[in-house]
Amino acid sequence: MTLLQAIEKIGGFSKPSKMPCHSWSIPAKNCKMGSKLAKLKTSVCNKCYAMRGFYPTPNVVNALARRFDSLSNPDWVEAMTLAISGTESSGYFRWFDSGDIQSLAHLEQIAQIAINLPQIKFWLPTKEYLIVANFLRGNKLPENLTIRISGYMIDGPAPVAMAKGMGVVTSTVSKTAWTCPASNQGNKCLSCRFCWDKNVQNVAYKYH
């Protein structure tokens, strides 16, 4: 498999302007827990950023659909490993600037990719607590994969107790108190790497 073939098989990458690295995303409408939370006005998913802005434009919609369809490809792990190793020079990678884990098998694949690429630090934000819990019952989290289970409600508490029980970390969304510095520096990470750092228990993002 060539690098170009690998990139085609996984539907390509997204490159959020905020991020120092590539990401891989799928349609937000395919979020399992997120689709339920979107019906609650006080949830972080009610006005999901991945359903607004440039995300509904045809080229982005088509790209997200291609990536979602790629999950059924039996070569997905091999292709993703090759595609990331051949294109990501930053040493970092983000899963899901749109979308979320689809199943236990999907998370197992993501963990295998992290194992395959120890030189890359991966960040995985997720609201799929149960999938993460089921994964950790039978698997050890790779050192280079940081999972942040996300709080459900705007200005709500971080699921810290659950996260500590799992051995992962958390994130929240707030209108008034945030620790992510992006909003003060042109909506960019710049030198900050809190999201990828397992020593940072919670990252609070500004609601937008």
N, C-alpha and C. Protein backbone atom coordinates (compact mmCIF):
# COMPACT_ATOMS: atom_id res chain seq x y z
N MET A 1 0.84 -1.20 0.00
CA MET A 1 0.00 0.00 0.00
C MET A 1 0.88 1.25 0.00
N THR A 2 0.65 2.15 -0.94
CA THR A 2 1.39 3.41 -0.97
C THR A 2 0.75 4.42 -0.01
N LEU A 3 1.48 5.50 0.24
CA LEU A 3 0.95 6.55 1.11
C LEU A 3 -0.33 7.15 0.52
N LEU A 4 -0.34 7.42 -0.77
CA LEU A 4 -1.52 8.00 -1.40
C LEU A 4 -2.71 7.04 -1.32
N GLN A 5 -2.46 5.77 -1.49
CA GLN A 5 -3.54 4.78 -1.37
C GLN A 5 -4.07 4.73 0.06
N ALA A 6 -3.17 4.83 1.03
CA ALA A 6 -3.58 4.81 2.44
C ALA A 6 -4.45 6.01 2.76
N ILE A 7 -4.05 7.19 2.31
CA ILE A 7 -4.83 8.40 2.56
C ILE A 7 -6.21 8.29 1.92
N GLU A 8 -6.26 7.73 0.74
CA GLU A 8 -7.55 7.55 0.06
C GLU A 8 -8.44 6.57 0.83
N LYS A 9 -7.84 5.50 1.35
CA LYS A 9 -8.62 4.48 2.05
C LYS A 9 -9.26 5.02 3.32
N ILE A 10 -8.61 5.97 3.99
CA ILE A 10 -9.17 6.49 5.25
C ILE A 10 -9.97 7.77 5.03
N GLY A 11 -10.12 8.18 3.78
CA GLY A 11 -10.93 9.34 3.46
C GLY A 11 -10.25 10.67 3.68
N GLY A 12 -8.92 10.63 3.87
CA GLY A 12 -8.18 11.86 4.09
C GLY A 12 -8.29 12.37 5.52
N PHE A 13 -7.57 13.44 5.79
CA PHE A 13 -7.55 14.07 7.11
C PHE A 13 -8.24 15.43 7.08
N SER A 14 -8.61 15.90 8.24
CA SER A 14 -9.01 17.30 8.38
C SER A 14 -7.83 18.05 8.99
N LYS A 15 -7.80 19.36 8.78
CA LYS A 15 -6.71 20.19 9.33
C LYS A 15 -7.33 21.43 9.96
N PRO A 16 -7.90 21.25 11.17
CA PRO A 16 -8.50 22.41 11.85
C PRO A 16 -7.48 23.53 12.03
N SER A 17 -7.90 24.75 11.75
CA SER A 17 -6.98 25.89 11.81
C SER A 17 -6.42 26.10 13.20
N LYS A 18 -7.17 25.69 14.22
CA LYS A 18 -6.74 25.85 15.60
C LYS A 18 -5.58 24.93 15.96
N MET A 19 -5.57 23.75 15.35
CA MET A 19 -4.69 22.66 15.78
C MET A 19 -3.26 22.77 15.23
N PRO A 20 -2.30 22.20 15.96
CA PRO A 20 -0.93 22.14 15.45
C PRO A 20 -0.70 20.90 14.58
N CYS A 21 -1.78 20.15 14.34
CA CYS A 21 -1.64 18.84 13.69
C CYS A 21 -2.89 18.51 12.90
N HIS A 22 -2.84 17.38 12.23
CA HIS A 22 -4.02 16.87 11.54
C HIS A 22 -5.00 16.25 12.54
N SER A 23 -6.23 16.06 12.04
CA SER A 23 -7.25 15.36 12.78
C SER A 23 -7.96 14.40 11.82
N TRP A 24 -8.79 13.54 12.37
CA TRP A 24 -9.62 12.66 11.55
C TRP A 24 -11.02 12.71 12.13
N SER A 25 -11.99 12.94 11.27
CA SER A 25 -13.34 13.23 11.76
C SER A 25 -14.40 12.54 10.91
N ILE A 26 -15.58 12.41 11.50
CA ILE A 26 -16.74 11.84 10.83
C ILE A 26 -17.94 12.75 11.11
N PRO A 27 -19.07 12.55 10.43
CA PRO A 27 -20.22 13.44 10.66
C PRO A 27 -20.69 13.45 12.11
N ALA A 28 -20.97 14.64 12.62
CA ALA A 28 -21.46 14.76 14.00
C ALA A 28 -22.81 14.06 14.16
N LYS A 29 -23.56 13.94 13.08
CA LYS A 29 -24.86 13.27 13.16
C LYS A 29 -24.71 11.80 13.52
N ASN A 30 -23.50 11.25 13.35
CA ASN A 30 -23.25 9.86 13.69
C ASN A 30 -22.78 9.66 15.13
N CYS A 31 -22.70 10.74 15.90
CA CYS A 31 -22.38 10.60 17.33
C CYS A 31 -23.53 9.85 18.01
N LYS A 32 -23.21 8.89 18.82
CA LYS A 32 -24.25 8.12 19.49
C LYS A 32 -24.77 8.87 20.71
N MET A 33 -23.93 9.10 21.71
CA MET A 33 -24.36 9.86 22.87
C MET A 33 -24.63 11.31 22.49
N GLY A 34 -23.81 11.86 21.62
CA GLY A 34 -23.97 13.25 21.22
C GLY A 34 -25.31 13.54 20.58
N SER A 35 -25.84 12.59 19.82
CA SER A 35 -27.14 12.78 19.19
C SER A 35 -28.25 12.88 20.23
N LYS A 36 -28.10 12.17 21.33
CA LYS A 36 -29.08 12.26 22.42
C LYS A 36 -28.92 13.58 23.18
N LEU A 37 -27.68 13.96 23.45
CA LEU A 37 -27.42 15.20 24.19
C LEU A 37 -27.85 16.42 23.40
N ALA A 38 -27.80 16.33 22.07
CA ALA A 38 -28.15 17.48 21.23
C ALA A 38 -29.59 17.94 21.45
N LYS A 39 -30.42 17.07 21.99
CA LYS A 39 -31.83 17.41 22.25
C LYS A 39 -32.02 18.19 23.55
N LEU A 40 -30.95 18.30 24.35
CA LEU A 40 -31.02 19.00 25.63
C LEU A 40 -30.41 20.40 25.49
N LYS A 41 -31.17 21.42 25.83
CA LYS A 41 -30.73 22.80 25.58
C LYS A 41 -29.48 23.18 26.35
N THR A 42 -29.26 22.57 27.51
CA THR A 42 -28.10 22.95 28.33
C THR A 42 -26.88 22.07 28.08
N SER A 43 -26.99 21.16 27.13
CA SER A 43 -25.85 20.28 26.85
C SER A 43 -24.85 20.93 25.91
N VAL A 44 -23.62 20.46 25.95
CA VAL A 44 -22.58 21.00 25.07
C VAL A 44 -22.84 20.63 23.61
N CYS A 45 -23.72 19.65 23.37
CA CYS A 45 -24.00 19.20 22.01
C CYS A 45 -25.19 19.90 21.38
N ASN A 46 -25.92 20.70 22.16
CA ASN A 46 -27.14 21.30 21.65
C ASN A 46 -26.89 22.22 20.45
N LYS A 47 -25.82 22.98 20.52
CA LYS A 47 -25.43 23.84 19.40
C LYS A 47 -24.02 23.45 18.96
N CYS A 48 -23.88 22.21 18.59
CA CYS A 48 -22.58 21.63 18.23
C CYS A 48 -21.89 22.43 17.14
N TYR A 49 -20.63 22.81 17.38
CA TYR A 49 -19.89 23.58 16.39
C TYR A 49 -19.69 22.80 15.10
N ALA A 50 -19.71 21.45 15.19
CA ALA A 50 -19.50 20.61 14.01
C ALA A 50 -20.77 20.44 13.19
N MET A 51 -21.82 21.15 13.57
CA MET A 51 -23.05 21.19 12.77
C MET A 51 -23.26 22.60 12.19
N ARG A 52 -22.28 23.48 12.44
CA ARG A 52 -22.39 24.87 12.01
C ARG A 52 -21.14 25.28 11.25
N GLY A 53 -21.05 26.57 10.91
CA GLY A 53 -19.86 27.09 10.26
C GLY A 53 -19.61 26.46 8.91
N PHE A 54 -18.38 26.03 8.68
CA PHE A 54 -18.04 25.44 7.39
C PHE A 54 -18.38 23.96 7.31
N TYR A 55 -18.75 23.34 8.44
CA TYR A 55 -19.02 21.89 8.44
C TYR A 55 -20.17 21.49 7.51
N PRO A 56 -21.24 22.27 7.38
CA PRO A 56 -22.33 21.86 6.48
C PRO A 56 -22.06 22.11 5.00
N THR A 57 -20.91 22.70 4.65
CA THR A 57 -20.62 22.96 3.24
C THR A 57 -20.42 21.63 2.51
N PRO A 58 -20.79 21.56 1.22
CA PRO A 58 -20.77 20.28 0.50
C PRO A 58 -19.44 19.54 0.51
N ASN A 59 -18.32 20.25 0.35
CA ASN A 59 -17.03 19.56 0.31
C ASN A 59 -16.69 18.93 1.65
N VAL A 60 -17.04 19.62 2.75
CA VAL A 60 -16.77 19.06 4.09
C VAL A 60 -17.72 17.90 4.36
N VAL A 61 -18.99 18.06 4.03
CA VAL A 61 -19.97 16.98 4.21
C VAL A 61 -19.51 15.72 3.48
N ASN A 62 -19.05 15.89 2.26
CA ASN A 62 -18.59 14.74 1.47
C ASN A 62 -17.35 14.09 2.08
N ALA A 63 -16.45 14.92 2.57
CA ALA A 63 -15.23 14.39 3.19
C ALA A 63 -15.54 13.61 4.46
N LEU A 64 -16.43 14.15 5.28
CA LEU A 64 -16.82 13.47 6.52
C LEU A 64 -17.49 12.13 6.20
N ALA A 65 -18.32 12.11 5.18
CA ALA A 65 -19.00 10.88 4.79
C ALA A 65 -18.00 9.84 4.29
N ARG A 66 -17.01 10.27 3.53
CA ARG A 66 -15.98 9.34 3.05
C ARG A 66 -15.25 8.69 4.22
N ARG A 67 -14.92 9.50 5.22
CA ARG A 67 -14.20 8.96 6.38
C ARG A 67 -15.07 7.98 7.15
N PHE A 68 -16.33 8.31 7.32
CA PHE A 68 -17.23 7.39 8.01
C PHE A 68 -17.34 6.07 7.25
N ASP A 69 -17.47 6.14 5.96
CA ASP A 69 -17.58 4.92 5.15
C ASP A 69 -16.30 4.09 5.21
N SER A 70 -15.16 4.76 5.42
CA SER A 70 -13.88 4.04 5.45
C SER A 70 -13.76 3.09 6.64
N LEU A 71 -14.60 3.28 7.66
CA LEU A 71 -14.52 2.43 8.85
C LEU A 71 -14.83 0.97 8.54
N SER A 72 -15.54 0.72 7.46
CA SER A 72 -15.86 -0.66 7.08
C SER A 72 -14.74 -1.33 6.30
N ASN A 73 -13.69 -0.57 5.99
CA ASN A 73 -12.56 -1.13 5.22
C ASN A 73 -11.71 -2.00 6.14
N PRO A 74 -11.48 -3.27 5.77
CA PRO A 74 -10.68 -4.15 6.64
C PRO A 74 -9.23 -3.71 6.80
N ASP A 75 -8.77 -2.80 5.92
CA ASP A 75 -7.39 -2.31 5.99
C ASP A 75 -7.30 -0.97 6.73
N TRP A 76 -8.37 -0.60 7.46
CA TRP A 76 -8.41 0.73 8.05
C TRP A 76 -7.25 0.99 9.00
N VAL A 77 -6.91 0.07 9.87
CA VAL A 77 -5.82 0.28 10.83
C VAL A 77 -4.49 0.42 10.10
N GLU A 78 -4.24 -0.46 9.16
CA GLU A 78 -3.00 -0.40 8.39
C GLU A 78 -2.91 0.91 7.60
N ALA A 79 -4.02 1.28 6.96
CA ALA A 79 -4.02 2.50 6.15
C ALA A 79 -3.86 3.74 7.03
N MET A 80 -4.55 3.78 8.16
CA MET A 80 -4.45 4.93 9.05
C MET A 80 -3.03 5.06 9.61
N THR A 81 -2.45 3.94 9.98
CA THR A 81 -1.08 3.96 10.49
C THR A 81 -0.12 4.54 9.47
N LEU A 82 -0.23 4.08 8.23
CA LEU A 82 0.65 4.56 7.17
C LEU A 82 0.37 6.02 6.86
N ALA A 83 -0.91 6.39 6.80
CA ALA A 83 -1.27 7.77 6.45
C ALA A 83 -0.77 8.76 7.50
N ILE A 84 -0.91 8.43 8.77
CA ILE A 84 -0.44 9.33 9.83
C ILE A 84 1.09 9.41 9.83
N SER A 85 1.73 8.25 9.76
CA SER A 85 3.20 8.25 9.82
C SER A 85 3.81 8.96 8.62
N GLY A 86 3.11 8.96 7.50
CA GLY A 86 3.65 9.56 6.30
C GLY A 86 3.33 11.03 6.12
N THR A 87 2.44 11.58 6.97
CA THR A 87 2.03 12.98 6.78
C THR A 87 2.19 13.85 8.02
N GLU A 88 2.21 13.24 9.22
CA GLU A 88 2.19 14.04 10.45
C GLU A 88 3.60 14.25 10.98
N SER A 89 4.10 15.48 10.82
CA SER A 89 5.46 15.80 11.26
C SER A 89 5.49 16.49 12.62
N SER A 90 4.31 16.85 13.16
CA SER A 90 4.27 17.60 14.41
C SER A 90 4.53 16.74 15.64
N GLY A 91 4.29 15.42 15.51
CA GLY A 91 4.39 14.54 16.67
C GLY A 91 3.09 14.44 17.45
N TYR A 92 2.02 15.08 16.94
CA TYR A 92 0.72 15.08 17.61
C TYR A 92 -0.38 14.72 16.61
N PHE A 93 -1.49 14.23 17.14
CA PHE A 93 -2.65 13.92 16.29
C PHE A 93 -3.90 13.99 17.15
N ARG A 94 -4.98 14.51 16.55
CA ARG A 94 -6.26 14.57 17.25
C ARG A 94 -7.29 13.67 16.57
N TRP A 95 -8.00 12.92 17.35
CA TRP A 95 -9.15 12.18 16.85
C TRP A 95 -10.40 13.04 17.02
N PHE A 96 -11.23 13.13 16.00
CA PHE A 96 -12.60 13.67 16.07
C PHE A 96 -12.70 15.15 16.39
N ASP A 97 -12.34 15.99 15.45
CA ASP A 97 -12.79 17.38 15.57
C ASP A 97 -14.28 17.44 15.23
N SER A 98 -14.80 16.37 14.69
CA SER A 98 -16.24 16.17 14.50
C SER A 98 -16.50 14.68 14.66
N GLY A 99 -17.58 14.32 15.36
CA GLY A 99 -17.89 12.91 15.54
C GLY A 99 -17.30 12.33 16.81
N ASP A 100 -17.45 11.01 16.96
CA ASP A 100 -17.01 10.34 18.18
C ASP A 100 -16.80 8.85 17.88
N ILE A 101 -16.28 8.14 18.88
CA ILE A 101 -16.09 6.69 18.77
C ILE A 101 -17.41 6.03 18.41
N GLN A 102 -17.35 5.03 17.55
CA GLN A 102 -18.56 4.35 17.10
C GLN A 102 -18.85 3.05 17.82
N SER A 103 -17.83 2.40 18.36
CA SER A 103 -18.01 1.09 18.98
C SER A 103 -16.76 0.70 19.75
N LEU A 104 -16.86 -0.38 20.51
CA LEU A 104 -15.69 -0.93 21.20
C LEU A 104 -14.62 -1.32 20.18
N ALA A 105 -15.04 -1.95 19.10
CA ALA A 105 -14.09 -2.37 18.07
C ALA A 105 -13.36 -1.16 17.48
N HIS A 106 -14.08 -0.06 17.32
CA HIS A 106 -13.47 1.16 16.78
C HIS A 106 -12.40 1.69 17.73
N LEU A 107 -12.69 1.72 19.03
CA LEU A 107 -11.70 2.18 19.99
C LEU A 107 -10.50 1.22 20.04
N GLU A 108 -10.73 -0.05 19.91
CA GLU A 108 -9.63 -1.01 19.85
C GLU A 108 -8.73 -0.72 18.65
N GLN A 109 -9.32 -0.35 17.54
CA GLN A 109 -8.53 0.00 16.35
C GLN A 109 -7.70 1.26 16.60
N ILE A 110 -8.31 2.26 17.22
CA ILE A 110 -7.61 3.50 17.53
C ILE A 110 -6.43 3.23 18.46
N ALA A 111 -6.64 2.38 19.46
CA ALA A 111 -5.55 2.03 20.38
C ALA A 111 -4.42 1.31 19.64
N GLN A 112 -4.77 0.45 18.70
CA GLN A 112 -3.75 -0.27 17.95
C GLN A 112 -2.93 0.69 17.09
N ILE A 113 -3.58 1.69 16.54
CA ILE A 113 -2.85 2.70 15.76
C ILE A 113 -1.86 3.44 16.65
N ALA A 114 -2.27 3.77 17.88
CA ALA A 114 -1.35 4.42 18.82
C ALA A 114 -0.16 3.52 19.13
N ILE A 115 -0.42 2.23 19.31
CA ILE A 115 0.66 1.27 19.56
C ILE A 115 1.61 1.21 18.37
N ASN A 116 1.03 1.28 17.18
CA ASN A 116 1.84 1.22 15.95
C ASN A 116 2.71 2.46 15.77
N LEU A 117 2.30 3.57 16.38
CA LEU A 117 2.99 4.85 16.16
C LEU A 117 3.40 5.49 17.49
N PRO A 118 4.36 4.89 18.19
CA PRO A 118 4.75 5.41 19.51
C PRO A 118 5.35 6.80 19.47
N GLN A 119 5.76 7.26 18.29
CA GLN A 119 6.36 8.59 18.16
C GLN A 119 5.31 9.70 18.10
N ILE A 120 4.03 9.33 18.00
CA ILE A 120 2.94 10.30 17.91
C ILE A 120 2.15 10.32 19.22
N LYS A 121 1.83 11.52 19.70
CA LYS A 121 0.93 11.65 20.86
C LYS A 121 -0.49 11.89 20.35
N PHE A 122 -1.41 11.04 20.76
CA PHE A 122 -2.79 11.10 20.30
C PHE A 122 -3.70 11.64 21.40
N TRP A 123 -4.65 12.47 20.98
CA TRP A 123 -5.67 12.99 21.89
C TRP A 123 -7.03 12.55 21.38
N LEU A 124 -7.81 11.96 22.25
CA LEU A 124 -9.15 11.47 21.90
C LEU A 124 -10.18 12.03 22.88
N PRO A 125 -10.93 13.07 22.50
CA PRO A 125 -12.04 13.53 23.33
C PRO A 125 -13.28 12.69 23.03
N THR A 126 -14.02 12.31 24.04
CA THR A 126 -15.19 11.46 23.80
C THR A 126 -16.26 11.62 24.88
N LYS A 127 -17.48 11.43 24.46
CA LYS A 127 -18.61 11.37 25.39
C LYS A 127 -19.12 9.94 25.54
N GLU A 128 -18.43 9.00 24.93
CA GLU A 128 -18.83 7.59 24.98
C GLU A 128 -18.18 6.90 26.18
N TYR A 129 -18.65 7.26 27.37
CA TYR A 129 -18.06 6.74 28.61
C TYR A 129 -18.09 5.21 28.65
N LEU A 130 -19.21 4.63 28.26
CA LEU A 130 -19.38 3.18 28.38
C LEU A 130 -18.41 2.43 27.47
N ILE A 131 -18.21 2.94 26.26
CA ILE A 131 -17.27 2.29 25.34
C ILE A 131 -15.88 2.32 25.94
N VAL A 132 -15.49 3.47 26.51
CA VAL A 132 -14.16 3.58 27.13
C VAL A 132 -14.04 2.61 28.30
N ALA A 133 -15.06 2.56 29.14
CA ALA A 133 -15.03 1.66 30.30
C ALA A 133 -14.92 0.21 29.87
N ASN A 134 -15.66 -0.18 28.86
CA ASN A 134 -15.59 -1.56 28.36
C ASN A 134 -14.22 -1.87 27.78
N PHE A 135 -13.64 -0.91 27.08
CA PHE A 135 -12.30 -1.11 26.53
C PHE A 135 -11.28 -1.34 27.64
N LEU A 136 -11.35 -0.52 28.69
CA LEU A 136 -10.35 -0.58 29.75
C LEU A 136 -10.50 -1.79 30.66
N ARG A 137 -11.62 -2.48 30.57
CA ARG A 137 -11.77 -3.71 31.34
C ARG A 137 -10.83 -4.81 30.84
N GLY A 138 -10.53 -4.77 29.57
CA GLY A 138 -9.70 -5.84 29.01
C GLY A 138 -8.44 -5.37 28.33
N ASN A 139 -8.17 -4.06 28.36
CA ASN A 139 -7.03 -3.51 27.64
C ASN A 139 -6.33 -2.43 28.46
N LYS A 140 -5.05 -2.28 28.22
CA LYS A 140 -4.30 -1.20 28.82
C LYS A 140 -4.22 -0.05 27.83
N LEU A 141 -4.43 1.15 28.31
CA LEU A 141 -4.38 2.33 27.45
C LEU A 141 -2.94 2.61 27.04
N PRO A 142 -2.66 2.72 25.74
CA PRO A 142 -1.30 3.06 25.31
C PRO A 142 -0.83 4.37 25.94
N GLU A 143 0.43 4.45 26.27
CA GLU A 143 0.97 5.65 26.94
C GLU A 143 0.81 6.90 26.08
N ASN A 144 0.82 6.73 24.77
CA ASN A 144 0.76 7.88 23.87
C ASN A 144 -0.66 8.22 23.41
N LEU A 145 -1.67 7.63 24.06
CA LEU A 145 -3.07 7.93 23.76
C LEU A 145 -3.74 8.55 24.99
N THR A 146 -4.07 9.82 24.90
CA THR A 146 -4.76 10.52 25.99
C THR A 146 -6.25 10.57 25.68
N ILE A 147 -7.04 9.90 26.49
CA ILE A 147 -8.50 9.94 26.35
C ILE A 147 -9.04 10.94 27.37
N ARG A 148 -9.83 11.90 26.89
CA ARG A 148 -10.51 12.85 27.77
C ARG A 148 -12.01 12.60 27.65
N ILE A 149 -12.63 12.12 28.72
CA ILE A 149 -14.08 11.98 28.71
C ILE A 149 -14.67 13.34 28.99
N SER A 150 -15.59 13.75 28.13
CA SER A 150 -16.08 15.12 28.12
C SER A 150 -17.34 15.28 28.97
N GLY A 151 -17.39 16.35 29.75
CA GLY A 151 -18.60 16.67 30.49
C GLY A 151 -19.76 16.94 29.55
N TYR A 152 -20.95 16.57 29.96
CA TYR A 152 -22.12 16.66 29.09
C TYR A 152 -22.75 18.06 29.02
N MET A 153 -22.68 18.81 30.12
CA MET A 153 -23.45 20.04 30.22
C MET A 153 -22.56 21.29 30.24
N ILE A 154 -23.05 22.37 29.64
CA ILE A 154 -22.34 23.65 29.67
C ILE A 154 -22.25 24.11 31.13
N ASP A 155 -21.05 24.45 31.56
CA ASP A 155 -20.78 24.87 32.94
C ASP A 155 -21.07 23.75 33.95
N GLY A 156 -21.18 22.52 33.47
CA GLY A 156 -21.39 21.38 34.36
C GLY A 156 -20.07 20.85 34.89
N PRO A 157 -20.13 19.96 35.87
CA PRO A 157 -18.91 19.42 36.46
C PRO A 157 -18.20 18.45 35.53
N ALA A 158 -16.93 18.36 35.69
CA ALA A 158 -16.16 17.35 34.96
C ALA A 158 -16.43 15.98 35.58
N PRO A 159 -16.48 14.93 34.78
CA PRO A 159 -16.70 13.58 35.32
C PRO A 159 -15.42 13.01 35.92
N VAL A 160 -14.89 13.72 36.91
CA VAL A 160 -13.57 13.40 37.45
C VAL A 160 -13.52 12.04 38.14
N ALA A 161 -14.52 11.76 38.99
CA ALA A 161 -14.50 10.49 39.73
C ALA A 161 -14.51 9.30 38.76
N MET A 162 -15.35 9.40 37.74
CA MET A 162 -15.41 8.33 36.74
C MET A 162 -14.09 8.21 36.00
N ALA A 163 -13.53 9.36 35.63
CA ALA A 163 -12.27 9.36 34.90
C ALA A 163 -11.15 8.73 35.71
N LYS A 164 -11.07 9.09 37.00
CA LYS A 164 -10.01 8.53 37.85
C LYS A 164 -10.17 7.02 37.99
N GLY A 165 -11.42 6.56 38.06
CA GLY A 165 -11.67 5.13 38.13
C GLY A 165 -11.22 4.40 36.88
N MET A 166 -11.28 5.08 35.76
CA MET A 166 -10.86 4.49 34.49
C MET A 166 -9.37 4.68 34.22
N GLY A 167 -8.80 5.70 34.87
CA GLY A 167 -7.40 6.02 34.58
C GLY A 167 -7.26 6.92 33.37
N VAL A 168 -8.30 7.76 33.11
CA VAL A 168 -8.24 8.72 32.02
C VAL A 168 -8.44 10.12 32.60
N VAL A 169 -8.55 11.13 31.72
CA VAL A 169 -8.70 12.51 32.18
C VAL A 169 -9.97 13.10 31.56
N THR A 170 -10.22 14.39 31.80
CA THR A 170 -11.52 14.96 31.46
C THR A 170 -11.40 16.28 30.71
N SER A 171 -12.57 16.71 30.19
CA SER A 171 -12.69 18.06 29.63
C SER A 171 -14.09 18.57 29.89
N THR A 172 -14.24 19.89 29.91
CA THR A 172 -15.54 20.53 30.14
C THR A 172 -15.66 21.73 29.21
N VAL A 173 -16.86 22.29 29.16
CA VAL A 173 -17.13 23.50 28.38
C VAL A 173 -17.76 24.53 29.33
N SER A 174 -17.27 25.75 29.28
CA SER A 174 -17.74 26.78 30.22
C SER A 174 -17.93 28.12 29.52
N LYS A 175 -18.95 28.85 29.97
CA LYS A 175 -19.16 30.22 29.49
C LYS A 175 -18.36 31.22 30.30
N THR A 176 -17.91 30.82 31.48
CA THR A 176 -17.32 31.79 32.41
C THR A 176 -15.90 31.46 32.88
N ALA A 177 -15.55 30.19 32.92
CA ALA A 177 -14.25 29.81 33.47
C ALA A 177 -13.63 28.72 32.62
N TRP A 178 -12.62 29.10 31.86
CA TRP A 178 -11.98 28.12 30.99
C TRP A 178 -10.47 28.16 31.17
N THR A 179 -9.82 27.04 30.89
CA THR A 179 -8.36 26.96 31.03
C THR A 179 -7.67 26.83 29.68
N CYS A 180 -8.41 26.45 28.64
CA CYS A 180 -7.84 26.43 27.30
C CYS A 180 -7.50 27.86 26.89
N PRO A 181 -6.25 28.14 26.51
CA PRO A 181 -5.85 29.53 26.22
C PRO A 181 -6.20 30.00 24.82
N ALA A 182 -6.78 29.13 23.98
CA ALA A 182 -6.96 29.45 22.57
C ALA A 182 -7.73 30.74 22.33
N SER A 183 -8.77 30.99 23.15
CA SER A 183 -9.61 32.18 22.93
C SER A 183 -8.84 33.48 23.15
N ASN A 184 -7.70 33.41 23.83
CA ASN A 184 -6.87 34.59 24.08
C ASN A 184 -5.69 34.69 23.14
N GLN A 185 -5.60 33.76 22.19
CA GLN A 185 -4.47 33.77 21.27
C GLN A 185 -4.89 33.40 19.85
N GLY A 186 -5.93 34.12 19.39
CA GLY A 186 -6.38 33.97 18.01
C GLY A 186 -7.05 32.65 17.70
N ASN A 187 -7.64 32.03 18.73
CA ASN A 187 -8.31 30.73 18.58
C ASN A 187 -7.37 29.67 18.03
N LYS A 188 -6.14 29.67 18.54
CA LYS A 188 -5.14 28.69 18.12
C LYS A 188 -4.46 28.08 19.35
N CYS A 189 -4.00 26.84 19.19
CA CYS A 189 -3.27 26.19 20.28
C CYS A 189 -1.91 26.84 20.50
N LEU A 190 -1.27 27.27 19.42
CA LEU A 190 0.11 27.76 19.46
C LEU A 190 0.99 26.75 20.20
N SER A 191 1.61 27.15 21.30
CA SER A 191 2.53 26.23 21.98
C SER A 191 1.83 25.34 23.02
N CYS A 192 0.54 25.56 23.27
CA CYS A 192 -0.17 24.78 24.30
C CYS A 192 -0.41 23.35 23.81
N ARG A 193 -0.19 22.39 24.72
CA ARG A 193 -0.46 20.99 24.42
C ARG A 193 -1.20 20.33 25.60
N PHE A 194 -1.98 21.12 26.35
CA PHE A 194 -2.72 20.59 27.49
C PHE A 194 -3.55 19.37 27.11
N CYS A 195 -4.22 19.42 25.97
CA CYS A 195 -5.17 18.37 25.60
C CYS A 195 -4.50 17.00 25.49
N TRP A 196 -3.25 16.98 25.10
CA TRP A 196 -2.51 15.74 24.93
C TRP A 196 -1.78 15.29 26.19
N ASP A 197 -1.87 16.09 27.25
CA ASP A 197 -1.07 15.86 28.46
C ASP A 197 -1.89 15.14 29.53
N LYS A 198 -1.53 13.90 29.82
CA LYS A 198 -2.26 13.13 30.83
C LYS A 198 -2.08 13.67 32.24
N ASN A 199 -1.12 14.55 32.43
CA ASN A 199 -0.92 15.14 33.75
C ASN A 199 -1.87 16.31 34.01
N VAL A 200 -2.57 16.75 32.97
CA VAL A 200 -3.58 17.81 33.11
C VAL A 200 -4.93 17.13 33.29
N GLN A 201 -5.45 17.16 34.52
CA GLN A 201 -6.66 16.39 34.84
C GLN A 201 -7.88 16.86 34.04
N ASN A 202 -8.05 18.18 33.93
CA ASN A 202 -9.21 18.69 33.20
C ASN A 202 -8.82 19.90 32.37
N VAL A 203 -9.31 19.92 31.14
CA VAL A 203 -9.17 21.10 30.29
C VAL A 203 -10.57 21.66 30.08
N ALA A 204 -10.76 22.93 30.44
CA ALA A 204 -12.06 23.59 30.27
C ALA A 204 -11.99 24.49 29.04
N TYR A 205 -12.89 24.24 28.10
CA TYR A 205 -12.93 25.00 26.86
C TYR A 205 -13.98 26.10 26.94
N LYS A 206 -13.72 27.21 26.28
CA LYS A 206 -14.69 28.30 26.25
C LYS A 206 -15.86 27.92 25.35
N TYR A 207 -17.06 28.11 25.84
CA TYR A 207 -18.26 27.83 25.05
C TYR A 207 -18.32 28.78 23.86
N HIS A 208 -18.59 28.20 22.68
CA HIS A 208 -18.73 29.03 21.48
C HIS A 208 -19.72 28.41 20.52
